[in-house]
Amino acid sequence: ANLGNPIVQSKKNSALKASLAEISHLLESPTQEHQSWIKKFFS
């Protein structure tokens, strides 16, 4: 529900939370998976 916050701010917060969750997941991943993810990201 939108509790008085601008829609853009709500979406930005959601994206930020999703990004933080993804980053924390990557940091917890084994090194081999992390390196392959980096290769996919930059290839």
Protein backbone atom coordinates (compact mmCIF):
# COMPACT_ATOMS: atom_id res chain seq x y z
CA ALA A 1 0.00 0.00 0.00
CA ASN A 2 1.11 3.55 -0.70
CA LEU A 3 1.26 5.24 2.71
CA GLY A 4 1.78 8.81 1.50
CA ASN A 5 5.13 8.13 -0.17
CA PRO A 6 5.56 9.11 -3.83
CA ILE A 7 5.20 6.14 -6.18
CA VAL A 8 8.68 6.75 -7.60
CA GLN A 9 10.20 6.66 -4.13
CA SER A 10 8.35 3.42 -3.33
CA LYS A 11 9.63 1.81 -6.52
CA LYS A 12 13.13 3.12 -5.87
CA ASN A 13 13.10 1.63 -2.36
CA SER A 14 11.86 -1.69 -3.72
CA ALA A 15 14.59 -1.75 -6.35
CA LEU A 16 17.17 -0.84 -3.72
CA LYS A 17 16.01 -3.63 -1.42
CA ALA A 18 16.08 -6.10 -4.32
CA SER A 19 19.59 -4.99 -5.28
CA LEU A 20 20.84 -5.30 -1.70
CA ALA A 21 19.31 -8.77 -1.43
CA GLU A 22 20.95 -9.82 -4.70
CA ILE A 23 24.34 -8.42 -3.67
CA SER A 24 24.19 -10.10 -0.25
CA HIS A 25 23.26 -13.37 -1.99
CA LEU A 26 26.24 -13.02 -4.35
CA LEU A 27 28.56 -12.34 -1.43
CA GLU A 28 27.35 -15.54 0.24
CA SER A 29 27.78 -17.58 -2.97
CA PRO A 30 30.83 -19.77 -3.53
CA THR A 31 33.72 -18.03 -5.27
CA GLN A 32 33.36 -20.16 -8.39
CA GLU A 33 29.72 -19.11 -8.88
CA HIS A 34 30.61 -15.48 -8.24
CA GLN A 35 33.36 -15.53 -10.88
CA SER A 36 31.07 -17.14 -13.46
CA TRP A 37 28.42 -14.49 -12.70
CA ILE A 38 31.02 -11.76 -13.28
CA LYS A 39 32.02 -13.37 -16.58
CA LYS A 40 28.39 -13.47 -17.70
CA PHE A 41 27.87 -9.86 -16.59
CA PHE A 42 30.87 -8.50 -18.52
CA SER A 43 30.70 -10.78 -21.56
